[in-house]
Amino acid sequence: MKGTYILEISLQNDIELSIGSLGLIHFKKGLYYYIGSAMGPQGSSTLLNRVKRHLKKSHEKKRFWHIDFLLENNNALLTKIILIPCKIKLECKFARYFLQLADNFIPNFGSSDCNCKTHLLYFKKSNNLFK
């Protein structure tokens, strides 16, 4: 199955992390939404397998995507996963929409393969985007 996914991540405290080529980033306490996609027809690049990979512990996988660095931090709690099965890539459309609603964003996070400002949006508190 192909599609787009959204990860809701709650940060319990302010943290600073070194995120691959992005360098040291300050993350404020609050709620983050990460938008990704998996458009492979089979294997590790399918929607379900991509999300399963994000759920693995850090010692079970190699850090590859920006989100891997954030998810391995003990202050980051993955609170919701939204799967959007689709044959076309909607990741950037969702990222641009969320950007209009967000309190802030982490520049260039998860968007090295597109022209988006980011794929990680910050909200000070829950806005009930997904009930």
N, C-alpha and C. Protein backbone atom coordinates (compact mmCIF):
# COMPACT_ATOMS: atom_id res chain seq x y z
N MET A 1 0.84 -1.18 0.00
CA MET A 1 0.00 0.00 0.00
C MET A 1 0.89 1.24 0.00
N LYS A 2 0.52 2.21 -0.82
CA LYS A 2 1.22 3.49 -0.92
C LYS A 2 0.43 4.55 -0.16
N GLY A 3 1.09 5.65 0.18
CA GLY A 3 0.36 6.75 0.77
C GLY A 3 1.19 7.72 1.57
N THR A 4 0.47 8.58 2.30
CA THR A 4 1.05 9.61 3.15
C THR A 4 0.72 9.28 4.59
N TYR A 5 1.56 9.70 5.50
CA TYR A 5 1.30 9.49 6.92
C TYR A 5 1.63 10.75 7.70
N ILE A 6 0.98 10.87 8.84
CA ILE A 6 1.23 12.00 9.74
C ILE A 6 1.50 11.42 11.12
N LEU A 7 2.62 11.84 11.69
CA LEU A 7 2.97 11.44 13.06
C LEU A 7 2.75 12.62 13.99
N GLU A 8 2.02 12.39 15.06
CA GLU A 8 1.84 13.41 16.10
C GLU A 8 2.81 13.07 17.22
N ILE A 9 3.66 14.01 17.55
CA ILE A 9 4.72 13.79 18.54
C ILE A 9 4.60 14.85 19.62
N SER A 10 4.52 14.41 20.85
CA SER A 10 4.46 15.32 21.98
C SER A 10 5.83 15.39 22.64
N LEU A 11 6.34 16.62 22.79
CA LEU A 11 7.60 16.81 23.50
C LEU A 11 7.28 17.29 24.91
N GLN A 12 7.77 16.58 25.89
CA GLN A 12 7.48 16.88 27.28
C GLN A 12 8.30 18.04 27.83
N ASN A 13 9.45 18.29 27.23
CA ASN A 13 10.37 19.35 27.66
C ASN A 13 11.04 19.97 26.45
N ASP A 14 11.61 21.16 26.63
CA ASP A 14 12.47 21.73 25.60
C ASP A 14 13.70 20.83 25.48
N ILE A 15 14.17 20.62 24.26
CA ILE A 15 15.37 19.82 24.05
C ILE A 15 16.19 20.43 22.91
N GLU A 16 17.46 20.08 22.87
CA GLU A 16 18.33 20.40 21.74
C GLU A 16 18.88 19.10 21.20
N LEU A 17 18.79 18.96 19.88
CA LEU A 17 19.27 17.74 19.24
C LEU A 17 20.09 18.08 18.01
N SER A 18 21.07 17.27 17.75
CA SER A 18 21.81 17.36 16.50
C SER A 18 21.08 16.47 15.50
N ILE A 19 20.59 17.09 14.43
CA ILE A 19 19.78 16.38 13.43
C ILE A 19 20.56 16.31 12.12
N GLY A 20 21.33 15.25 11.94
CA GLY A 20 22.05 15.03 10.69
C GLY A 20 22.69 16.28 10.13
N SER A 21 22.46 16.54 8.86
CA SER A 21 23.04 17.69 8.19
C SER A 21 22.41 19.02 8.60
N LEU A 22 21.28 19.00 9.31
CA LEU A 22 20.65 20.24 9.77
C LEU A 22 21.38 20.84 10.97
N GLY A 23 22.16 20.02 11.66
CA GLY A 23 22.91 20.50 12.82
C GLY A 23 22.08 20.56 14.09
N LEU A 24 22.52 21.39 15.03
CA LEU A 24 21.87 21.50 16.33
C LEU A 24 20.57 22.30 16.22
N ILE A 25 19.50 21.72 16.70
CA ILE A 25 18.18 22.36 16.63
C ILE A 25 17.56 22.38 18.02
N HIS A 26 16.96 23.53 18.36
CA HIS A 26 16.23 23.66 19.62
C HIS A 26 14.76 23.35 19.35
N PHE A 27 14.22 22.39 20.08
CA PHE A 27 12.81 22.02 19.99
C PHE A 27 12.11 22.47 21.26
N LYS A 28 11.05 23.24 21.11
CA LYS A 28 10.28 23.69 22.26
C LYS A 28 9.31 22.60 22.70
N LYS A 29 9.01 22.59 23.98
CA LYS A 29 7.99 21.71 24.51
C LYS A 29 6.69 21.98 23.76
N GLY A 30 5.96 20.94 23.41
CA GLY A 30 4.70 21.12 22.70
C GLY A 30 4.41 19.95 21.78
N LEU A 31 3.60 20.21 20.80
CA LEU A 31 3.12 19.19 19.88
C LEU A 31 3.69 19.42 18.48
N TYR A 32 4.17 18.36 17.88
CA TYR A 32 4.74 18.43 16.53
C TYR A 32 3.99 17.46 15.62
N TYR A 33 3.84 17.86 14.37
CA TYR A 33 3.28 16.98 13.36
C TYR A 33 4.32 16.81 12.26
N TYR A 34 4.66 15.56 12.00
CA TYR A 34 5.60 15.24 10.93
C TYR A 34 4.81 14.59 9.81
N ILE A 35 5.00 15.08 8.59
CA ILE A 35 4.30 14.55 7.44
C ILE A 35 5.31 13.84 6.54
N GLY A 36 5.01 12.59 6.24
CA GLY A 36 5.88 11.80 5.39
C GLY A 36 5.08 11.02 4.37
N SER A 37 5.77 10.33 3.50
CA SER A 37 5.10 9.49 2.52
C SER A 37 5.92 8.23 2.28
N ALA A 38 5.24 7.24 1.76
CA ALA A 38 5.89 5.98 1.39
C ALA A 38 5.18 5.49 0.14
N MET A 39 5.85 5.58 -0.95
CA MET A 39 5.20 5.32 -2.24
C MET A 39 5.70 4.05 -2.91
N GLY A 40 6.38 3.20 -2.17
CA GLY A 40 6.87 1.96 -2.74
C GLY A 40 5.77 0.92 -2.91
N PRO A 41 5.89 0.09 -3.92
CA PRO A 41 4.86 -0.92 -4.18
C PRO A 41 4.96 -2.15 -3.26
N GLN A 42 6.15 -2.36 -2.68
CA GLN A 42 6.34 -3.53 -1.82
C GLN A 42 7.57 -3.34 -0.95
N GLY A 43 7.70 -4.18 0.04
CA GLY A 43 8.88 -4.16 0.90
C GLY A 43 8.93 -3.00 1.87
N SER A 44 10.13 -2.54 2.18
CA SER A 44 10.33 -1.53 3.22
C SER A 44 9.79 -0.15 2.85
N SER A 45 9.51 0.08 1.59
CA SER A 45 9.06 1.40 1.17
C SER A 45 7.53 1.53 1.08
N THR A 46 6.79 0.54 1.59
CA THR A 46 5.33 0.66 1.63
C THR A 46 4.92 1.51 2.83
N LEU A 47 3.70 1.98 2.80
CA LEU A 47 3.19 2.83 3.87
C LEU A 47 3.26 2.14 5.23
N LEU A 48 2.75 0.94 5.33
CA LEU A 48 2.75 0.25 6.62
C LEU A 48 4.16 -0.05 7.12
N ASN A 49 5.03 -0.48 6.24
CA ASN A 49 6.39 -0.79 6.67
C ASN A 49 7.18 0.46 7.05
N ARG A 50 6.92 1.58 6.38
CA ARG A 50 7.60 2.82 6.75
C ARG A 50 7.21 3.24 8.16
N VAL A 51 5.92 3.18 8.45
CA VAL A 51 5.45 3.57 9.78
C VAL A 51 5.95 2.58 10.83
N LYS A 52 5.95 1.30 10.52
CA LYS A 52 6.48 0.30 11.45
C LYS A 52 7.95 0.60 11.77
N ARG A 53 8.68 1.04 10.78
CA ARG A 53 10.09 1.40 11.00
C ARG A 53 10.20 2.54 12.00
N HIS A 54 9.33 3.55 11.87
CA HIS A 54 9.36 4.68 12.81
C HIS A 54 9.06 4.24 14.24
N LEU A 55 8.33 3.15 14.40
CA LEU A 55 7.97 2.65 15.73
C LEU A 55 9.09 1.84 16.38
N LYS A 56 10.06 1.43 15.61
CA LYS A 56 11.16 0.63 16.16
C LYS A 56 12.03 1.46 17.11
N LYS A 57 12.63 0.78 18.06
CA LYS A 57 13.57 1.42 18.97
C LYS A 57 14.83 1.80 18.20
N SER A 58 15.56 2.79 18.73
CA SER A 58 16.72 3.32 18.01
C SER A 58 17.81 2.26 17.79
N HIS A 59 17.93 1.28 18.70
CA HIS A 59 18.96 0.26 18.52
C HIS A 59 18.57 -0.78 17.46
N GLU A 60 17.32 -0.72 16.98
CA GLU A 60 16.85 -1.66 15.97
C GLU A 60 16.93 -1.11 14.54
N LYS A 61 17.38 0.13 14.40
CA LYS A 61 17.43 0.74 13.08
C LYS A 61 18.59 1.73 13.00
N LYS A 62 19.01 2.00 11.80
CA LYS A 62 20.01 3.02 11.54
C LYS A 62 19.30 4.34 11.34
N ARG A 63 19.82 5.41 11.91
CA ARG A 63 19.22 6.74 11.68
C ARG A 63 19.44 7.12 10.22
N PHE A 64 18.34 7.39 9.55
CA PHE A 64 18.41 7.71 8.13
C PHE A 64 17.68 9.02 7.83
N TRP A 65 16.45 9.15 8.31
CA TRP A 65 15.65 10.34 8.08
C TRP A 65 15.76 11.28 9.28
N HIS A 66 15.51 12.56 9.05
CA HIS A 66 15.55 13.54 10.13
C HIS A 66 14.68 13.12 11.31
N ILE A 67 13.52 12.55 11.02
CA ILE A 67 12.58 12.18 12.08
C ILE A 67 13.16 11.09 12.99
N ASP A 68 14.07 10.28 12.49
CA ASP A 68 14.69 9.24 13.32
C ASP A 68 15.40 9.84 14.52
N PHE A 69 16.05 10.97 14.34
CA PHE A 69 16.79 11.62 15.42
C PHE A 69 15.85 12.12 16.51
N LEU A 70 14.71 12.67 16.10
CA LEU A 70 13.74 13.18 17.07
C LEU A 70 13.04 12.04 17.80
N LEU A 71 12.61 11.03 17.08
CA LEU A 71 11.86 9.94 17.70
C LEU A 71 12.67 9.13 18.70
N GLU A 72 13.99 9.12 18.56
CA GLU A 72 14.80 8.34 19.50
C GLU A 72 15.02 9.05 20.83
N ASN A 73 14.65 10.33 20.92
CA ASN A 73 14.82 11.07 22.16
C ASN A 73 13.76 10.67 23.18
N ASN A 74 14.17 10.51 24.44
CA ASN A 74 13.26 10.06 25.49
C ASN A 74 12.15 11.05 25.78
N ASN A 75 12.32 12.31 25.43
CA ASN A 75 11.28 13.32 25.67
C ASN A 75 10.22 13.34 24.56
N ALA A 76 10.47 12.64 23.47
CA ALA A 76 9.54 12.61 22.33
C ALA A 76 8.61 11.41 22.46
N LEU A 77 7.33 11.69 22.55
CA LEU A 77 6.33 10.64 22.68
C LEU A 77 5.44 10.64 21.44
N LEU A 78 5.47 9.55 20.70
CA LEU A 78 4.62 9.42 19.52
C LEU A 78 3.20 9.13 20.00
N THR A 79 2.30 10.10 19.82
CA THR A 79 0.96 9.99 20.40
C THR A 79 -0.13 9.62 19.39
N LYS A 80 0.15 9.77 18.11
CA LYS A 80 -0.87 9.45 17.12
C LYS A 80 -0.22 9.21 15.77
N ILE A 81 -0.79 8.28 15.02
CA ILE A 81 -0.35 8.00 13.65
C ILE A 81 -1.58 8.03 12.76
N ILE A 82 -1.52 8.83 11.72
CA ILE A 82 -2.62 8.90 10.76
C ILE A 82 -2.10 8.38 9.42
N LEU A 83 -2.76 7.37 8.89
CA LEU A 83 -2.39 6.80 7.59
C LEU A 83 -3.38 7.28 6.55
N ILE A 84 -2.86 7.72 5.41
CA ILE A 84 -3.69 8.18 4.30
C ILE A 84 -3.30 7.38 3.05
N PRO A 85 -3.91 6.20 2.88
CA PRO A 85 -3.59 5.40 1.70
C PRO A 85 -3.98 6.16 0.43
N CYS A 86 -3.05 6.23 -0.50
CA CYS A 86 -3.31 6.98 -1.73
C CYS A 86 -2.23 6.62 -2.75
N LYS A 87 -2.60 6.64 -4.01
CA LYS A 87 -1.64 6.31 -5.06
C LYS A 87 -0.82 7.50 -5.51
N ILE A 88 -1.22 8.71 -5.07
CA ILE A 88 -0.44 9.91 -5.40
C ILE A 88 0.19 10.47 -4.12
N LYS A 89 1.30 11.14 -4.27
CA LYS A 89 2.03 11.69 -3.13
C LYS A 89 1.39 12.99 -2.67
N LEU A 90 0.84 12.99 -1.45
CA LEU A 90 0.15 14.15 -0.88
C LEU A 90 0.95 14.84 0.22
N GLU A 91 2.11 14.32 0.51
CA GLU A 91 2.94 14.80 1.61
C GLU A 91 3.14 16.32 1.59
N CYS A 92 3.50 16.88 0.48
CA CYS A 92 3.78 18.31 0.39
C CYS A 92 2.52 19.15 0.54
N LYS A 93 1.40 18.68 0.01
CA LYS A 93 0.13 19.41 0.16
C LYS A 93 -0.26 19.50 1.63
N PHE A 94 -0.11 18.40 2.37
CA PHE A 94 -0.41 18.41 3.80
C PHE A 94 0.55 19.33 4.55
N ALA A 95 1.83 19.27 4.20
CA ALA A 95 2.83 20.11 4.87
C ALA A 95 2.52 21.59 4.67
N ARG A 96 2.16 21.98 3.47
CA ARG A 96 1.82 23.39 3.20
C ARG A 96 0.56 23.81 3.95
N TYR A 97 -0.43 22.92 4.03
CA TYR A 97 -1.66 23.23 4.76
C TYR A 97 -1.38 23.40 6.25
N PHE A 98 -0.64 22.47 6.83
CA PHE A 98 -0.32 22.54 8.26
C PHE A 98 0.50 23.77 8.58
N LEU A 99 1.36 24.18 7.65
CA LEU A 99 2.20 25.35 7.85
C LEU A 99 1.35 26.60 8.11
N GLN A 100 0.20 26.69 7.47
CA GLN A 100 -0.70 27.83 7.66
C GLN A 100 -1.33 27.84 9.05
N LEU A 101 -1.44 26.68 9.69
CA LEU A 101 -2.09 26.55 11.00
C LEU A 101 -1.11 26.55 12.17
N ALA A 102 0.13 26.23 11.88
CA ALA A 102 1.12 25.99 12.93
C ALA A 102 1.57 27.27 13.63
N ASP A 103 2.02 27.11 14.87
CA ASP A 103 2.61 28.22 15.61
C ASP A 103 4.05 28.48 15.15
N ASN A 104 4.69 27.45 14.64
CA ASN A 104 6.06 27.57 14.17
C ASN A 104 6.42 26.31 13.40
N PHE A 105 7.66 26.22 12.93
CA PHE A 105 8.12 25.03 12.22
C PHE A 105 9.63 24.92 12.32
N ILE A 106 10.13 23.75 12.04
CA ILE A 106 11.57 23.51 12.00
C ILE A 106 12.00 23.56 10.53
N PRO A 107 12.75 24.60 10.13
CA PRO A 107 13.11 24.76 8.71
C PRO A 107 13.86 23.56 8.15
N ASN A 108 13.48 23.17 6.95
CA ASN A 108 14.15 22.12 6.16
C ASN A 108 14.04 20.71 6.74
N PHE A 109 13.28 20.54 7.80
CA PHE A 109 13.16 19.23 8.44
C PHE A 109 12.30 18.32 7.57
N GLY A 110 12.89 17.22 7.12
CA GLY A 110 12.16 16.23 6.34
C GLY A 110 11.82 16.66 4.93
N SER A 111 12.37 17.76 4.49
CA SER A 111 12.01 18.28 3.17
C SER A 111 13.21 18.46 2.25
N SER A 112 14.21 17.64 2.42
CA SER A 112 15.41 17.77 1.60
C SER A 112 15.19 17.29 0.16
N ASP A 113 14.10 16.56 -0.08
CA ASP A 113 13.84 16.05 -1.42
C ASP A 113 12.69 16.78 -2.13
N CYS A 114 12.32 17.96 -1.60
CA CYS A 114 11.24 18.74 -2.22
C CYS A 114 11.50 20.23 -1.98
N ASN A 115 10.56 21.07 -2.36
CA ASN A 115 10.73 22.52 -2.19
C ASN A 115 9.97 23.08 -1.00
N CYS A 116 9.47 22.22 -0.14
CA CYS A 116 8.72 22.67 1.04
C CYS A 116 9.65 23.33 2.06
N LYS A 117 9.10 24.24 2.85
CA LYS A 117 9.87 24.86 3.93
C LYS A 117 10.19 23.84 5.01
N THR A 118 9.29 22.89 5.22
CA THR A 118 9.46 21.89 6.27
C THR A 118 8.41 20.81 6.13
N HIS A 119 8.64 19.71 6.83
CA HIS A 119 7.62 18.68 7.00
C HIS A 119 7.41 18.41 8.49
N LEU A 120 7.92 19.31 9.35
CA LEU A 120 7.72 19.20 10.80
C LEU A 120 7.19 20.52 11.33
N LEU A 121 5.94 20.48 11.78
CA LEU A 121 5.23 21.68 12.22
C LEU A 121 5.05 21.65 13.73
N TYR A 122 5.13 22.83 14.35
CA TYR A 122 5.05 22.96 15.80
C TYR A 122 3.76 23.66 16.23
N PHE A 123 3.14 23.11 17.24
CA PHE A 123 1.95 23.69 17.86
C PHE A 123 2.21 23.77 19.36
N LYS A 124 1.97 24.93 19.96
CA LYS A 124 2.19 25.09 21.41
C LYS A 124 1.34 24.12 22.21
N LYS A 125 0.13 23.90 21.75
CA LYS A 125 -0.76 22.96 22.43
C LYS A 125 -1.67 22.31 21.40
N SER A 126 -2.38 21.30 21.82
CA SER A 126 -3.25 20.56 20.93
C SER A 126 -4.35 21.47 20.38
N ASN A 127 -4.51 21.43 19.06
CA ASN A 127 -5.57 22.20 18.40
C ASN A 127 -6.68 21.29 17.93
N ASN A 128 -6.66 20.04 18.39
CA ASN A 128 -7.64 19.05 17.97
C ASN A 128 -7.74 18.93 16.45
N LEU A 129 -6.59 18.92 15.80
CA LEU A 129 -6.57 18.76 14.34
C LEU A 129 -7.14 17.43 13.93
N PHE A 130 -6.89 16.41 14.74
CA PHE A 130 -7.39 15.06 14.46
C PHE A 130 -8.04 14.55 15.72
N LYS A 131 -9.29 14.24 15.65
CA LYS A 131 -10.00 13.71 16.83
C LYS A 131 -10.18 12.23 16.71
